[in-house]
Amino acid sequence: MDTDETPTEWLRAVLSLIVLAIVAEGETYGYVVAQRLQAAGLGTVKGGTLYPVLNRLEDAELLTSSWREGVGGPGRKFFTVTPRGREHLAARTAAWRTFTERATGLLPTERSTT
């Protein structure tokens, strides 16, 4: 496996949390979220994957959205994190860190794999 390629199941497991974290940085729209994910080295996340995540987060009242006219282009749906979303993000981030620390503790060290 290419070391720069993130296994799909890893990304699937944490995508909602990462998307919520990106939106929590400030109001944004889907294309920018996708660009942030790619810039972070997580690969290309297509709209068919990303927008259902954003919609589920909105359905769970962790995000709100509003449509705005585009300047010289189509309108965009902007997303903003809600107070409930911030609470969820804090709790799930702590849980994710605990989980990954435990999982990492079970993996061989780099020295023991060579």
Protein backbone atom coordinates (compact mmCIF):
# COMPACT_ATOMS: atom_id res chain seq x y z
CA MET A 1 0.00 0.00 0.00
CA ASP A 2 1.21 3.49 -0.86
CA THR A 3 2.06 5.24 2.43
CA ASP A 4 0.49 8.50 1.18
CA GLU A 5 -2.87 6.85 0.50
CA THR A 6 -5.41 6.98 3.31
CA PRO A 7 -7.44 3.76 3.48
CA THR A 8 -11.06 4.51 2.65
CA GLU A 9 -12.39 2.89 5.83
CA TRP A 10 -10.21 5.14 8.00
CA LEU A 11 -11.53 8.27 6.32
CA ARG A 12 -15.11 7.00 6.45
CA ALA A 13 -14.77 6.47 10.20
CA VAL A 14 -13.72 10.03 10.95
CA LEU A 15 -15.10 12.09 8.04
CA SER A 16 -18.13 13.50 9.89
CA LEU A 17 -15.94 14.62 12.77
CA ILE A 18 -13.36 16.22 10.49
CA VAL A 19 -16.03 17.99 8.43
CA LEU A 20 -17.61 19.31 11.61
CA ALA A 21 -14.20 20.55 12.79
CA ILE A 22 -13.58 22.37 9.49
CA VAL A 23 -16.97 24.09 9.61
CA ALA A 24 -16.35 25.00 13.27
CA GLU A 25 -13.37 27.09 12.14
CA GLY A 26 -15.76 29.45 10.40
CA GLU A 27 -18.70 29.58 8.01
CA THR A 28 -17.86 27.78 4.79
CA TYR A 29 -19.27 25.80 1.88
CA GLY A 30 -18.73 22.30 0.55
CA TYR A 31 -16.08 23.04 -2.07
CA VAL A 32 -13.85 24.70 0.54
CA VAL A 33 -14.34 21.76 2.91
CA ALA A 34 -13.28 19.37 0.13
CA GLN A 35 -10.23 21.52 -0.61
CA ARG A 36 -9.23 21.53 3.07
CA LEU A 37 -9.50 17.74 3.24
CA GLN A 38 -7.34 17.37 0.14
CA ALA A 39 -4.79 19.93 1.37
CA ALA A 40 -4.52 17.98 4.63
CA GLY A 41 -3.45 14.93 2.64
CA LEU A 42 -6.70 13.01 3.03
CA GLY A 43 -7.29 12.67 -0.68
CA THR A 44 -10.13 13.77 -2.89
CA VAL A 45 -13.54 13.58 -1.24
CA LYS A 46 -16.17 13.78 -3.94
CA GLY A 47 -19.41 15.71 -3.59
CA GLY A 48 -21.40 12.48 -3.56
CA THR A 49 -19.63 11.61 -0.30
CA LEU A 50 -19.22 15.07 1.22
CA TYR A 51 -22.68 16.59 0.76
CA PRO A 52 -24.54 13.70 2.42
CA VAL A 53 -22.21 14.13 5.43
CA LEU A 54 -22.96 17.86 5.57
CA ASN A 55 -26.69 17.14 5.27
CA ARG A 56 -26.58 14.52 8.06
CA LEU A 57 -24.76 16.98 10.32
CA GLU A 58 -27.43 19.57 9.55
CA ASP A 59 -30.25 17.05 10.15
CA ALA A 60 -28.66 16.31 13.55
CA GLU A 61 -28.75 20.07 14.27
CA LEU A 62 -24.96 20.24 14.51
CA LEU A 63 -24.82 22.62 11.52
CA THR A 64 -27.12 25.20 10.00
CA SER A 65 -27.06 26.35 6.41
CA SER A 66 -28.10 29.25 4.23
CA TRP A 67 -28.10 29.77 0.46
CA ARG A 68 -26.35 32.78 -1.00
CA GLU A 69 -26.14 34.07 -4.53
CA GLY A 70 -22.80 33.51 -6.16
CA VAL A 71 -20.71 36.33 -7.58
CA GLY A 72 -20.39 35.49 -11.26
CA GLY A 73 -21.42 31.89 -10.65
CA PRO A 74 -23.99 29.64 -9.05
CA GLY A 75 -25.31 30.15 -5.55
CA ARG A 76 -23.66 28.39 -2.65
CA LYS A 77 -24.94 26.72 0.47
CA PHE A 78 -22.92 28.01 3.43
CA PHE A 79 -22.67 25.96 6.62
CA THR A 80 -22.18 27.19 10.19
CA VAL A 81 -21.68 25.10 13.32
CA THR A 82 -24.35 25.35 16.02
CA PRO A 83 -23.71 25.49 19.78
CA ARG A 84 -24.84 21.85 19.93
CA GLY A 85 -22.35 21.12 17.14
CA ARG A 86 -19.51 22.65 19.15
CA GLU A 87 -20.41 20.51 22.16
CA HIS A 88 -20.59 17.41 19.97
CA LEU A 89 -17.24 18.27 18.37
CA ALA A 90 -15.53 18.65 21.75
CA ALA A 91 -16.92 15.37 23.10
CA ARG A 92 -16.23 13.36 19.94
CA THR A 93 -12.74 14.83 19.54
CA ALA A 94 -11.86 13.70 23.06
CA ALA A 95 -13.34 10.25 22.38
CA TRP A 96 -11.47 9.99 19.05
CA ARG A 97 -8.16 10.87 20.70
CA THR A 98 -8.72 8.24 23.40
CA PHE A 99 -9.62 5.64 20.78
CA THR A 100 -6.61 6.36 18.56
CA GLU A 101 -4.23 6.36 21.52
CA ARG A 102 -5.54 2.94 22.58
CA ALA A 103 -5.33 1.59 19.04
CA THR A 104 -1.83 2.99 18.58
CA GLY A 105 -0.77 1.28 21.80
CA LEU A 106 -1.62 -2.07 20.23
CA LEU A 107 0.29 -1.49 17.00
CA PRO A 108 3.93 -2.52 16.65
CA THR A 109 6.50 0.22 16.90
CA GLU A 110 8.41 1.15 13.79
CA ARG A 111 11.51 -0.61 15.11
CA SER A 112 9.65 -3.85 15.72
CA THR A 113 8.27 -3.98 12.17
CA THR A 114 11.61 -3.77 10.35
